[in-house]
């Protein structure tokens, strides 16, 4: 293990975030999509990325399954591993943020404590948490990845919403909520575009 006494972080000589944002003509920000599997997190993040890229913004998506297949392939779904999963993702998102990039993350992030931990790493002013709300029953009907069917037969342990609890946000959290049960993908996308644009446009500085 590396000794803290042998580490000498150096940031002063590097170009700062302001310079990167000026170059990219945008404000870096992290939009943290969370919710049950099948609620629409990745679908909305990908659609939003395309819309904003067409407008000239530089976007990076950090998707749960993609990250778990590579960077976090050593982690399972215990409470300890979920904490480490989110910690690593938040640190990766912070690196992109410092480069002036707009980041969309798509992770179940089932507990308020996990979302708070990500916000602490990134800084409250740098992250907007977006709860993509859909009931367990609706997500099970969609079952895009076949996970709900597998969980129902005991083929998946610690499945969020069934074996592992999901904590919805409270009003005090000030998270955005996108209700994909009540509106179409196009309506959800339009709502997100209206909300996201002021955060990333230099014109609103």
N, C-alpha and C. Protein backbone atom coordinates (compact mmCIF):
# COMPACT_ATOMS: atom_id res chain seq x y z
N UNK A 1 0.84 -1.20 0.00
CA UNK A 1 0.00 0.00 0.00
C UNK A 1 0.88 1.25 0.00
N UNK A 2 0.46 2.26 -0.76
CA UNK A 2 1.23 3.49 -0.84
C UNK A 2 1.12 4.26 0.47
N UNK A 3 2.23 4.74 0.94
CA UNK A 3 2.23 5.54 2.16
C UNK A 3 1.84 6.98 1.85
N UNK A 4 0.90 7.56 2.62
CA UNK A 4 0.52 8.97 2.38
C UNK A 4 1.71 9.91 2.42
N UNK A 5 2.74 9.52 3.18
CA UNK A 5 3.91 10.37 3.27
C UNK A 5 4.73 10.42 2.00
N UNK A 6 4.45 9.51 1.07
CA UNK A 6 5.18 9.47 -0.20
C UNK A 6 4.40 10.09 -1.35
N UNK A 7 3.25 10.67 -1.04
CA UNK A 7 2.40 11.27 -2.07
C UNK A 7 2.46 12.78 -1.97
N UNK A 8 2.72 13.43 -3.09
CA UNK A 8 2.82 14.89 -3.11
C UNK A 8 1.91 15.44 -4.22
N UNK A 9 0.62 15.59 -3.92
CA UNK A 9 -0.31 16.11 -4.95
C UNK A 9 0.14 17.46 -5.47
N UNK A 10 0.01 17.63 -6.77
CA UNK A 10 0.44 18.88 -7.40
C UNK A 10 -0.64 19.34 -8.36
N UNK A 11 -1.25 20.46 -8.04
CA UNK A 11 -2.31 20.99 -8.88
C UNK A 11 -2.01 22.41 -9.37
N UNK A 12 -1.15 23.11 -8.63
CA UNK A 12 -0.95 24.53 -8.88
C UNK A 12 -0.44 24.84 -10.29
N UNK A 13 0.40 23.96 -10.84
CA UNK A 13 0.99 24.25 -12.16
C UNK A 13 0.11 23.78 -13.31
N UNK A 14 -0.96 23.09 -12.98
CA UNK A 14 -1.86 22.61 -14.03
C UNK A 14 -2.87 23.69 -14.41
N UNK A 15 -3.32 23.64 -15.65
CA UNK A 15 -4.40 24.52 -16.06
C UNK A 15 -5.63 24.23 -15.23
N UNK A 16 -6.29 25.28 -14.77
CA UNK A 16 -7.45 25.10 -13.91
C UNK A 16 -8.73 24.82 -14.69
N UNK A 17 -9.76 24.51 -13.95
CA UNK A 17 -11.06 24.19 -14.54
C UNK A 17 -11.62 25.36 -15.36
N UNK A 18 -11.41 26.58 -14.87
CA UNK A 18 -11.93 27.75 -15.59
C UNK A 18 -11.39 27.81 -17.01
N UNK A 19 -10.11 27.52 -17.16
CA UNK A 19 -9.49 27.56 -18.49
C UNK A 19 -10.07 26.48 -19.39
N UNK A 20 -10.33 25.31 -18.82
CA UNK A 20 -10.91 24.23 -19.60
C UNK A 20 -12.35 24.56 -20.02
N UNK A 21 -13.09 25.15 -19.11
CA UNK A 21 -14.47 25.52 -19.43
C UNK A 21 -14.52 26.61 -20.50
N UNK A 22 -13.59 27.55 -20.42
CA UNK A 22 -13.53 28.60 -21.44
C UNK A 22 -13.22 28.00 -22.81
N UNK A 23 -12.32 27.02 -22.83
CA UNK A 23 -11.96 26.36 -24.09
C UNK A 23 -13.16 25.61 -24.67
N UNK A 24 -13.91 24.93 -23.80
CA UNK A 24 -15.05 24.12 -24.25
C UNK A 24 -16.34 24.93 -24.40
N UNK A 25 -16.32 26.15 -23.88
CA UNK A 25 -17.48 27.05 -23.93
C UNK A 25 -18.69 26.42 -23.23
N UNK A 26 -18.44 25.94 -22.02
CA UNK A 26 -19.51 25.34 -21.23
C UNK A 26 -19.08 25.29 -19.77
N UNK A 27 -20.05 25.12 -18.88
CA UNK A 27 -19.76 24.87 -17.47
C UNK A 27 -19.77 23.36 -17.23
N UNK A 28 -18.73 22.86 -16.59
CA UNK A 28 -18.75 21.46 -16.21
C UNK A 28 -19.73 21.25 -15.07
N UNK A 29 -20.42 20.14 -15.09
CA UNK A 29 -21.38 19.82 -14.03
C UNK A 29 -21.67 18.33 -14.09
N UNK A 30 -21.99 17.74 -12.95
CA UNK A 30 -22.33 16.32 -12.89
C UNK A 30 -23.82 16.17 -12.61
N UNK A 31 -24.50 15.45 -13.49
CA UNK A 31 -25.93 15.14 -13.31
C UNK A 31 -26.01 13.66 -12.98
N UNK A 32 -26.41 13.37 -11.75
CA UNK A 32 -26.36 12.00 -11.23
C UNK A 32 -27.75 11.37 -11.32
N UNK A 33 -27.97 10.58 -12.39
CA UNK A 33 -29.25 9.89 -12.57
C UNK A 33 -29.27 8.65 -11.68
N UNK A 34 -30.34 8.48 -10.91
CA UNK A 34 -30.45 7.28 -10.08
C UNK A 34 -31.91 6.81 -10.04
N UNK A 35 -32.10 5.54 -9.69
CA UNK A 35 -33.43 4.95 -9.65
C UNK A 35 -33.32 3.45 -9.90
N UNK A 36 -34.44 2.78 -9.83
CA UNK A 36 -34.46 1.33 -10.02
C UNK A 36 -33.98 0.93 -11.41
N UNK A 37 -33.50 -0.30 -11.53
CA UNK A 37 -33.16 -0.84 -12.83
C UNK A 37 -34.40 -0.85 -13.72
N UNK A 38 -34.28 -0.28 -14.92
CA UNK A 38 -35.41 -0.23 -15.83
C UNK A 38 -36.26 1.02 -15.70
N UNK A 39 -35.88 1.92 -14.82
CA UNK A 39 -36.68 3.15 -14.64
C UNK A 39 -36.50 4.13 -15.79
N UNK A 40 -35.38 4.01 -16.53
CA UNK A 40 -35.15 4.89 -17.67
C UNK A 40 -33.91 5.76 -17.54
N UNK A 41 -33.05 5.48 -16.57
CA UNK A 41 -31.87 6.31 -16.33
C UNK A 41 -30.97 6.40 -17.56
N UNK A 42 -30.53 5.24 -18.03
CA UNK A 42 -29.60 5.21 -19.17
C UNK A 42 -30.26 5.71 -20.45
N UNK A 43 -31.52 5.38 -20.63
CA UNK A 43 -32.25 5.83 -21.81
C UNK A 43 -32.27 7.35 -21.88
N UNK A 44 -32.58 7.98 -20.78
CA UNK A 44 -32.64 9.45 -20.75
C UNK A 44 -31.26 10.07 -20.85
N UNK A 45 -30.28 9.48 -20.17
CA UNK A 45 -28.92 10.03 -20.24
C UNK A 45 -28.39 9.98 -21.66
N UNK A 46 -28.63 8.88 -22.36
CA UNK A 46 -28.16 8.76 -23.74
C UNK A 46 -28.88 9.72 -24.68
N UNK A 47 -30.19 9.86 -24.50
CA UNK A 47 -30.96 10.77 -25.35
C UNK A 47 -30.53 12.22 -25.10
N UNK A 48 -30.30 12.54 -23.83
CA UNK A 48 -29.89 13.90 -23.48
C UNK A 48 -28.49 14.20 -24.02
N UNK A 49 -27.61 13.20 -23.95
CA UNK A 49 -26.26 13.38 -24.49
C UNK A 49 -26.33 13.75 -25.98
N UNK A 50 -27.14 13.05 -26.75
CA UNK A 50 -27.24 13.32 -28.18
C UNK A 50 -27.77 14.71 -28.46
N UNK A 51 -28.80 15.11 -27.71
CA UNK A 51 -29.38 16.44 -27.91
C UNK A 51 -28.36 17.53 -27.61
N UNK A 52 -27.64 17.39 -26.51
CA UNK A 52 -26.69 18.43 -26.11
C UNK A 52 -25.42 18.42 -26.95
N UNK A 53 -25.01 17.23 -27.40
CA UNK A 53 -23.86 17.15 -28.30
C UNK A 53 -24.16 17.87 -29.61
N UNK A 54 -25.38 17.72 -30.09
CA UNK A 54 -25.79 18.43 -31.31
C UNK A 54 -25.77 19.94 -31.13
N UNK A 55 -25.85 20.38 -29.88
CA UNK A 55 -25.80 21.82 -29.59
C UNK A 55 -24.36 22.28 -29.32
N UNK A 56 -23.41 21.36 -29.38
CA UNK A 56 -22.01 21.73 -29.23
C UNK A 56 -21.40 21.45 -27.88
N UNK A 57 -22.15 20.86 -26.96
CA UNK A 57 -21.61 20.57 -25.63
C UNK A 57 -20.80 19.27 -25.65
N UNK A 58 -19.83 19.20 -24.73
CA UNK A 58 -19.00 18.00 -24.58
C UNK A 58 -19.51 17.25 -23.36
N UNK A 59 -19.98 16.02 -23.58
CA UNK A 59 -20.64 15.23 -22.54
C UNK A 59 -19.91 13.91 -22.35
N UNK A 60 -19.87 13.42 -21.12
CA UNK A 60 -19.36 12.08 -20.84
C UNK A 60 -20.40 11.33 -20.00
N UNK A 61 -20.79 10.15 -20.46
CA UNK A 61 -21.71 9.31 -19.70
C UNK A 61 -20.91 8.23 -18.95
N UNK A 62 -21.18 8.10 -17.67
CA UNK A 62 -20.65 7.00 -16.87
C UNK A 62 -21.84 6.11 -16.52
N UNK A 63 -21.90 4.95 -17.17
CA UNK A 63 -23.05 4.06 -17.03
C UNK A 63 -22.71 2.89 -16.09
N UNK A 64 -23.68 2.53 -15.26
CA UNK A 64 -23.45 1.52 -14.24
C UNK A 64 -22.93 0.20 -14.76
N UNK A 65 -23.59 -0.38 -15.75
CA UNK A 65 -23.17 -1.68 -16.28
C UNK A 65 -21.81 -1.58 -16.96
N UNK A 66 -21.58 -0.51 -17.69
CA UNK A 66 -20.29 -0.33 -18.35
C UNK A 66 -19.15 -0.26 -17.35
N UNK A 67 -19.36 0.52 -16.29
CA UNK A 67 -18.31 0.68 -15.29
C UNK A 67 -18.07 -0.63 -14.54
N UNK A 68 -19.15 -1.33 -14.22
CA UNK A 68 -19.00 -2.59 -13.48
C UNK A 68 -18.36 -3.70 -14.34
N UNK A 69 -18.42 -3.57 -15.64
CA UNK A 69 -17.81 -4.58 -16.51
C UNK A 69 -16.31 -4.38 -16.67
N UNK A 70 -15.81 -3.18 -16.27
CA UNK A 70 -14.38 -2.91 -16.45
C UNK A 70 -13.76 -2.39 -15.14
N UNK A 71 -13.86 -1.12 -14.90
CA UNK A 71 -13.20 -0.49 -13.74
C UNK A 71 -13.59 -1.15 -12.43
N UNK A 72 -14.87 -1.44 -12.26
CA UNK A 72 -15.36 -1.97 -10.99
C UNK A 72 -15.77 -3.44 -11.09
N UNK A 73 -15.12 -4.18 -11.97
CA UNK A 73 -15.47 -5.59 -12.17
C UNK A 73 -15.15 -6.44 -10.94
N UNK A 74 -14.35 -5.90 -10.01
CA UNK A 74 -14.00 -6.64 -8.80
C UNK A 74 -15.03 -6.48 -7.69
N UNK A 75 -16.06 -5.68 -7.92
CA UNK A 75 -17.03 -5.37 -6.87
C UNK A 75 -18.33 -6.15 -7.05
N UNK A 76 -18.93 -6.52 -5.93
CA UNK A 76 -20.23 -7.16 -5.94
C UNK A 76 -21.32 -6.18 -5.55
N UNK A 77 -22.34 -6.65 -4.84
CA UNK A 77 -23.48 -5.80 -4.50
C UNK A 77 -23.77 -5.77 -3.01
N UNK A 78 -22.78 -6.11 -2.21
CA UNK A 78 -22.91 -5.94 -0.77
C UNK A 78 -22.90 -4.45 -0.45
N UNK A 79 -23.28 -4.10 0.77
CA UNK A 79 -23.28 -2.69 1.16
C UNK A 79 -21.88 -2.09 1.02
N UNK A 80 -20.87 -2.85 1.42
CA UNK A 80 -19.49 -2.36 1.33
C UNK A 80 -19.08 -2.13 -0.12
N UNK A 81 -19.42 -3.08 -0.99
CA UNK A 81 -19.05 -2.95 -2.40
C UNK A 81 -19.84 -1.83 -3.08
N UNK A 82 -21.09 -1.66 -2.71
CA UNK A 82 -21.88 -0.55 -3.28
C UNK A 82 -21.25 0.79 -2.91
N UNK A 83 -20.80 0.91 -1.66
CA UNK A 83 -20.14 2.15 -1.23
C UNK A 83 -18.88 2.42 -2.03
N UNK A 84 -18.08 1.38 -2.23
CA UNK A 84 -16.85 1.54 -3.00
C UNK A 84 -17.13 1.83 -4.47
N UNK A 85 -18.17 1.22 -5.01
CA UNK A 85 -18.58 1.48 -6.38
C UNK A 85 -18.89 2.96 -6.58
N UNK A 86 -19.70 3.50 -5.69
CA UNK A 86 -20.09 4.91 -5.80
C UNK A 86 -18.90 5.83 -5.55
N UNK A 87 -18.04 5.47 -4.60
CA UNK A 87 -16.86 6.30 -4.33
C UNK A 87 -15.98 6.42 -5.57
N UNK A 88 -15.72 5.29 -6.21
CA UNK A 88 -14.87 5.32 -7.41
C UNK A 88 -15.52 6.13 -8.52
N UNK A 89 -16.82 5.93 -8.71
CA UNK A 89 -17.51 6.67 -9.78
C UNK A 89 -17.47 8.16 -9.53
N UNK A 90 -17.70 8.56 -8.29
CA UNK A 90 -17.68 9.99 -7.96
C UNK A 90 -16.30 10.58 -8.22
N UNK A 91 -15.24 9.81 -7.90
CA UNK A 91 -13.89 10.30 -8.14
C UNK A 91 -13.60 10.42 -9.64
N UNK A 92 -14.07 9.45 -10.42
CA UNK A 92 -13.90 9.53 -11.88
C UNK A 92 -14.68 10.72 -12.43
N UNK A 93 -15.90 10.90 -11.96
CA UNK A 93 -16.71 12.04 -12.41
C UNK A 93 -16.02 13.35 -12.08
N UNK A 94 -15.36 13.40 -10.93
CA UNK A 94 -14.66 14.62 -10.53
C UNK A 94 -13.52 14.96 -11.48
N UNK A 95 -12.84 13.93 -11.99
CA UNK A 95 -11.76 14.17 -12.95
C UNK A 95 -12.30 14.80 -14.23
N UNK A 96 -13.42 14.28 -14.72
CA UNK A 96 -14.04 14.87 -15.91
C UNK A 96 -14.53 16.29 -15.61
N UNK A 97 -15.08 16.49 -14.43
CA UNK A 97 -15.56 17.81 -14.03
C UNK A 97 -14.44 18.83 -14.05
N UNK A 98 -13.28 18.45 -13.53
CA UNK A 98 -12.13 19.35 -13.50
C UNK A 98 -11.63 19.69 -14.90
N UNK A 99 -11.98 18.85 -15.88
CA UNK A 99 -11.63 19.13 -17.28
C UNK A 99 -12.71 19.94 -17.98
N UNK A 100 -13.73 20.37 -17.23
CA UNK A 100 -14.77 21.22 -17.80
C UNK A 100 -15.86 20.45 -18.53
N UNK A 101 -15.91 19.15 -18.36
CA UNK A 101 -16.85 18.31 -19.10
C UNK A 101 -18.15 18.14 -18.32
N UNK A 102 -19.25 18.06 -19.04
CA UNK A 102 -20.55 17.77 -18.44
C UNK A 102 -20.68 16.25 -18.33
N UNK A 103 -20.98 15.77 -17.12
CA UNK A 103 -21.01 14.34 -16.86
C UNK A 103 -22.43 13.89 -16.51
N UNK A 104 -22.87 12.81 -17.15
CA UNK A 104 -24.11 12.13 -16.77
C UNK A 104 -23.73 10.78 -16.19
N UNK A 105 -24.11 10.52 -14.96
CA UNK A 105 -23.90 9.19 -14.40
C UNK A 105 -25.25 8.48 -14.35
N UNK A 106 -25.22 7.16 -14.50
CA UNK A 106 -26.44 6.36 -14.48
C UNK A 106 -26.21 5.14 -13.58
N UNK A 107 -26.58 5.30 -12.31
CA UNK A 107 -26.37 4.25 -11.31
C UNK A 107 -27.59 4.15 -10.41
N UNK A 108 -27.92 2.96 -9.99
CA UNK A 108 -29.09 2.78 -9.13
C UNK A 108 -28.97 3.63 -7.87
N UNK A 109 -27.80 3.65 -7.26
CA UNK A 109 -27.51 4.46 -6.06
C UNK A 109 -28.69 4.40 -5.08
N UNK A 110 -28.96 3.22 -4.50
CA UNK A 110 -30.22 3.00 -3.80
C UNK A 110 -30.40 3.72 -2.47
N UNK A 111 -29.32 4.14 -1.84
CA UNK A 111 -29.44 4.73 -0.51
C UNK A 111 -29.09 6.22 -0.50
N UNK A 112 -29.77 6.95 0.34
CA UNK A 112 -29.51 8.38 0.47
C UNK A 112 -28.08 8.62 0.92
N UNK A 113 -27.55 7.72 1.76
CA UNK A 113 -26.17 7.88 2.23
C UNK A 113 -25.17 7.77 1.09
N UNK A 114 -25.45 6.92 0.12
CA UNK A 114 -24.58 6.79 -1.04
C UNK A 114 -24.61 8.05 -1.89
N UNK A 115 -25.81 8.60 -2.07
CA UNK A 115 -25.93 9.84 -2.85
C UNK A 115 -25.27 11.01 -2.15
N UNK A 116 -25.37 11.02 -0.82
CA UNK A 116 -24.71 12.06 -0.04
C UNK A 116 -23.19 11.93 -0.14
N UNK A 117 -22.70 10.70 -0.15
CA UNK A 117 -21.25 10.47 -0.26
C UNK A 117 -20.73 10.97 -1.61
N UNK A 118 -21.48 10.71 -2.68
CA UNK A 118 -21.08 11.20 -4.01
C UNK A 118 -21.07 12.72 -4.04
N UNK A 119 -22.06 13.32 -3.42
CA UNK A 119 -22.15 14.79 -3.39
C UNK A 119 -21.00 15.39 -2.60
N UNK A 120 -20.58 14.71 -1.55
CA UNK A 120 -19.46 15.21 -0.74
C UNK A 120 -18.17 15.20 -1.54
N UNK A 121 -17.96 14.15 -2.31
CA UNK A 121 -16.74 14.07 -3.13
C UNK A 121 -16.74 15.14 -4.22
N UNK A 122 -17.89 15.35 -4.84
CA UNK A 122 -17.97 16.27 -5.98
C UNK A 122 -18.17 17.72 -5.55
N UNK A 123 -18.75 17.93 -4.38
CA UNK A 123 -19.10 19.29 -3.95
C UNK A 123 -20.53 19.60 -4.35
N UNK A 124 -21.33 20.04 -3.40
CA UNK A 124 -22.76 20.22 -3.64
C UNK A 124 -23.07 21.11 -4.85
N UNK A 125 -22.24 22.12 -5.10
CA UNK A 125 -22.50 23.01 -6.22
C UNK A 125 -22.17 22.43 -7.57
N UNK A 126 -21.53 21.25 -7.56
CA UNK A 126 -21.09 20.63 -8.81
C UNK A 126 -21.95 19.45 -9.25
N UNK A 127 -22.92 19.06 -8.43
CA UNK A 127 -23.72 17.87 -8.73
C UNK A 127 -25.20 18.17 -8.59
N UNK A 128 -25.97 17.66 -9.53
CA UNK A 128 -27.42 17.68 -9.44
C UNK A 128 -27.90 16.24 -9.49
N UNK A 129 -28.57 15.81 -8.45
CA UNK A 129 -29.08 14.44 -8.38
C UNK A 129 -30.46 14.38 -9.04
N UNK A 130 -30.67 13.40 -9.91
CA UNK A 130 -31.91 13.28 -10.65
C UNK A 130 -32.52 11.90 -10.40
N UNK A 131 -33.63 11.87 -9.70
CA UNK A 131 -34.32 10.63 -9.39
C UNK A 131 -35.24 10.28 -10.56
N UNK A 132 -34.94 9.20 -11.24
CA UNK A 132 -35.80 8.72 -12.33
C UNK A 132 -36.78 7.73 -11.70
N UNK A 133 -37.99 8.21 -11.50
CA UNK A 133 -38.96 7.48 -10.69
C UNK A 133 -39.86 6.58 -11.53
N UNK A 134 -39.90 5.32 -11.15
CA UNK A 134 -40.84 4.34 -11.70
C UNK A 134 -40.96 3.25 -10.67
N UNK A 135 -42.15 2.73 -10.48
CA UNK A 135 -42.38 1.73 -9.44
C UNK A 135 -41.69 0.41 -9.79
N UNK A 136 -41.49 -0.40 -8.78
CA UNK A 136 -40.91 -1.73 -8.98
C UNK A 136 -41.75 -2.53 -9.97
N UNK A 137 -43.09 -2.42 -9.85
CA UNK A 137 -44.00 -3.17 -10.71
C UNK A 137 -43.85 -2.74 -12.17
N UNK A 138 -43.75 -1.43 -12.39
CA UNK A 138 -43.58 -0.93 -13.76
C UNK A 138 -42.24 -1.37 -14.34
N UNK A 139 -41.19 -1.26 -13.56
CA UNK A 139 -39.86 -1.68 -14.03
C UNK A 139 -39.83 -3.17 -14.32
N UNK A 140 -40.56 -3.95 -13.49
CA UNK A 140 -40.62 -5.40 -13.70
C UNK A 140 -41.33 -5.72 -15.01
N UNK A 141 -42.36 -4.94 -15.35
CA UNK A 141 -43.07 -5.15 -16.62
C UNK A 141 -42.17 -4.80 -17.80
N UNK A 142 -41.37 -3.76 -17.66
CA UNK A 142 -40.45 -3.40 -18.73
C UNK A 142 -39.36 -4.46 -18.86
N UNK A 143 -38.74 -4.79 -17.73
CA UNK A 143 -37.69 -5.83 -17.61
C UNK A 143 -36.79 -5.87 -18.84
N UNK A 144 -36.23 -4.75 -19.17
CA UNK A 144 -35.44 -4.59 -20.38
C UNK A 144 -34.27 -5.59 -20.44
N UNK A 145 -33.65 -5.84 -19.30
CA UNK A 145 -32.46 -6.70 -19.26
C UNK A 145 -32.75 -8.12 -18.76
N UNK A 146 -34.01 -8.39 -18.45
CA UNK A 146 -34.36 -9.71 -17.94
C UNK A 146 -33.97 -9.93 -16.49
N UNK A 147 -33.63 -8.86 -15.79
CA UNK A 147 -33.16 -8.99 -14.42
C UNK A 147 -34.28 -9.31 -13.44
N UNK A 148 -35.46 -8.73 -13.67
CA UNK A 148 -36.58 -8.94 -12.75
C UNK A 148 -37.06 -10.39 -12.81
N UNK A 149 -37.08 -10.96 -14.00
CA UNK A 149 -37.46 -12.36 -14.14
C UNK A 149 -36.45 -13.26 -13.45
N UNK A 150 -35.19 -12.92 -13.58
CA UNK A 150 -34.15 -13.72 -12.94
C UNK A 150 -34.23 -13.60 -11.42
N UNK A 151 -34.50 -12.37 -10.93
CA UNK A 151 -34.61 -12.16 -9.49
C UNK A 151 -35.82 -12.89 -8.92
N UNK A 152 -36.90 -12.95 -9.68
CA UNK A 152 -38.13 -13.60 -9.22
C UNK A 152 -37.94 -15.10 -9.00
N UNK A 153 -37.03 -15.70 -9.74
CA UNK A 153 -36.78 -17.14 -9.60
C UNK A 153 -35.59 -17.45 -8.70
N UNK A 154 -35.08 -16.38 -8.05
CA UNK A 154 -33.95 -16.58 -7.14
C UNK A 154 -32.60 -16.58 -7.80
N UNK A 155 -32.56 -16.22 -9.07
CA UNK A 155 -31.29 -16.23 -9.80
C UNK A 155 -30.42 -15.02 -9.55
N UNK A 156 -30.98 -14.00 -8.91
CA UNK A 156 -30.21 -12.81 -8.57
C UNK A 156 -30.42 -12.50 -7.10
N UNK A 157 -29.34 -12.41 -6.36
CA UNK A 157 -29.42 -12.07 -4.95
C UNK A 157 -29.16 -10.57 -4.76
N UNK A 158 -29.66 -10.02 -3.67
CA UNK A 158 -29.46 -8.62 -3.31
C UNK A 158 -29.97 -7.69 -4.41
N UNK A 159 -31.08 -8.08 -5.04
CA UNK A 159 -31.64 -7.29 -6.13
C UNK A 159 -32.40 -6.09 -5.56
N UNK A 160 -32.05 -4.90 -6.03
CA UNK A 160 -32.63 -3.68 -5.48
C UNK A 160 -34.13 -3.61 -5.75
N UNK A 161 -34.87 -3.33 -4.69
CA UNK A 161 -36.32 -3.25 -4.78
C UNK A 161 -36.99 -4.52 -4.33
N UNK A 162 -36.23 -5.63 -4.31
CA UNK A 162 -36.77 -6.92 -3.89
C UNK A 162 -36.06 -7.40 -2.62
N UNK A 163 -34.78 -7.72 -2.74
CA UNK A 163 -34.01 -8.18 -1.59
C UNK A 163 -33.27 -7.02 -0.90
N UNK A 164 -32.97 -6.01 -1.67
CA UNK A 164 -32.21 -4.87 -1.17
C UNK A 164 -33.06 -3.61 -1.30
N UNK A 165 -33.14 -2.84 -0.23
CA UNK A 165 -34.07 -1.71 -0.15
C UNK A 165 -33.61 -0.52 -0.98
N UNK A 166 -34.56 0.17 -1.62
CA UNK A 166 -34.28 1.41 -2.33
C UNK A 166 -34.91 2.57 -1.57
N UNK A 167 -34.12 3.59 -1.28
CA UNK A 167 -34.60 4.76 -0.55
C UNK A 167 -34.89 5.89 -1.53
N UNK A 168 -36.16 6.25 -1.64
CA UNK A 168 -36.54 7.40 -2.48
C UNK A 168 -36.06 8.68 -1.81
N UNK A 169 -35.84 9.74 -2.59
CA UNK A 169 -35.39 11.00 -1.98
C UNK A 169 -36.47 11.62 -1.12
N UNK A 170 -36.03 12.43 -0.17
CA UNK A 170 -36.95 13.21 0.64
C UNK A 170 -36.94 14.65 0.13
N UNK A 171 -37.96 15.40 0.50
CA UNK A 171 -38.08 16.77 -0.01
C UNK A 171 -36.85 17.61 0.32
N UNK A 172 -36.27 17.37 1.48
CA UNK A 172 -35.11 18.15 1.91
C UNK A 172 -33.88 17.90 1.05
N UNK A 173 -33.88 16.80 0.28
CA UNK A 173 -32.72 16.48 -0.56
C UNK A 173 -32.60 17.43 -1.75
N UNK A 174 -33.71 18.04 -2.14
CA UNK A 174 -33.74 18.96 -3.30
C UNK A 174 -33.30 18.30 -4.59
N UNK A 175 -33.56 17.00 -4.71
CA UNK A 175 -33.25 16.30 -5.96
C UNK A 175 -34.35 16.55 -6.98
N UNK A 176 -33.98 16.53 -8.26
CA UNK A 176 -35.00 16.58 -9.30
C UNK A 176 -35.66 15.21 -9.40
N UNK A 177 -36.92 15.19 -9.79
CA UNK A 177 -37.62 13.93 -10.02
C UNK A 177 -38.20 13.91 -11.42
N UNK A 178 -37.88 12.88 -12.18
CA UNK A 178 -38.44 12.67 -13.51
C UNK A 178 -39.31 11.41 -13.44
N UNK A 179 -40.59 11.57 -13.66
CA UNK A 179 -41.53 10.46 -13.48
C UNK A 179 -41.81 9.78 -14.82
N UNK A 180 -41.07 8.72 -15.08
CA UNK A 180 -41.19 8.07 -16.39
C UNK A 180 -42.43 7.20 -16.50
N UNK A 181 -43.13 6.97 -15.41
CA UNK A 181 -44.42 6.27 -15.48
C UNK A 181 -45.51 7.18 -16.00
N UNK A 182 -45.36 8.48 -15.77
CA UNK A 182 -46.42 9.44 -16.05
C UNK A 182 -46.24 10.18 -17.36
N UNK A 183 -45.05 10.11 -17.94
CA UNK A 183 -44.82 10.86 -19.18
C UNK A 183 -43.95 10.05 -20.13
N UNK A 184 -44.02 10.41 -21.39
CA UNK A 184 -43.27 9.70 -22.42
C UNK A 184 -41.79 10.05 -22.34
N UNK A 185 -40.97 9.29 -23.06
CA UNK A 185 -39.54 9.60 -23.13
C UNK A 185 -39.32 10.99 -23.68
N UNK A 186 -40.09 11.37 -24.70
CA UNK A 186 -39.94 12.69 -25.30
C UNK A 186 -40.27 13.79 -24.30
N UNK A 187 -41.31 13.59 -23.50
CA UNK A 187 -41.68 14.59 -22.49
C UNK A 187 -40.62 14.69 -21.41
N UNK A 188 -40.10 13.55 -20.98
CA UNK A 188 -39.04 13.54 -19.97
C UNK A 188 -37.78 14.23 -20.50
N UNK A 189 -37.45 13.96 -21.75
CA UNK A 189 -36.27 14.57 -22.36
C UNK A 189 -36.44 16.08 -22.46
N UNK A 190 -37.61 16.52 -22.87
CA UNK A 190 -37.86 17.96 -22.98
C UNK A 190 -37.74 18.64 -21.61
N UNK A 191 -38.26 17.99 -20.58
CA UNK A 191 -38.16 18.55 -19.23
C UNK A 191 -36.70 18.65 -18.78
N UNK A 192 -35.93 17.62 -19.08
CA UNK A 192 -34.52 17.63 -18.70
C UNK A 192 -33.73 18.69 -19.45
N UNK A 193 -34.00 18.84 -20.73
CA UNK A 193 -33.29 19.87 -21.51
C UNK A 193 -33.53 21.26 -20.93
N UNK A 194 -34.75 21.53 -20.54
CA UNK A 194 -35.09 22.83 -19.96
C UNK A 194 -34.37 23.05 -18.63
N UNK A 195 -34.20 21.99 -17.85
CA UNK A 195 -33.58 22.11 -16.54
C UNK A 195 -32.05 22.13 -16.61
N UNK A 196 -31.50 21.30 -17.50
CA UNK A 196 -30.05 21.14 -17.57
C UNK A 196 -29.36 22.35 -18.22
N UNK A 197 -29.96 22.87 -19.28
CA UNK A 197 -29.31 23.91 -20.08
C UNK A 197 -28.78 25.10 -19.28
N UNK A 198 -29.54 25.63 -18.32
CA UNK A 198 -29.02 26.78 -17.54
C UNK A 198 -27.77 26.46 -16.72
N UNK A 199 -27.57 25.21 -16.36
CA UNK A 199 -26.43 24.83 -15.54
C UNK A 199 -25.14 24.79 -16.35
N UNK A 200 -25.22 24.53 -17.64
CA UNK A 200 -24.00 24.27 -18.42
C UNK A 200 -23.68 25.36 -19.43
N UNK A 201 -24.58 26.30 -19.60
CA UNK A 201 -24.36 27.35 -20.61
C UNK A 201 -23.54 28.51 -20.03
N UNK A 202 -22.47 28.88 -20.71
CA UNK A 202 -21.67 30.04 -20.28
C UNK A 202 -22.47 31.33 -20.38
N UNK A 203 -23.48 31.32 -21.23
CA UNK A 203 -24.30 32.52 -21.39
C UNK A 203 -25.04 32.88 -20.11
N UNK A 204 -25.19 31.88 -19.22
CA UNK A 204 -25.89 32.12 -17.97
C UNK A 204 -24.95 32.47 -16.81
N UNK A 205 -23.67 32.73 -17.16
CA UNK A 205 -22.68 33.06 -16.12
C UNK A 205 -23.00 34.43 -15.52
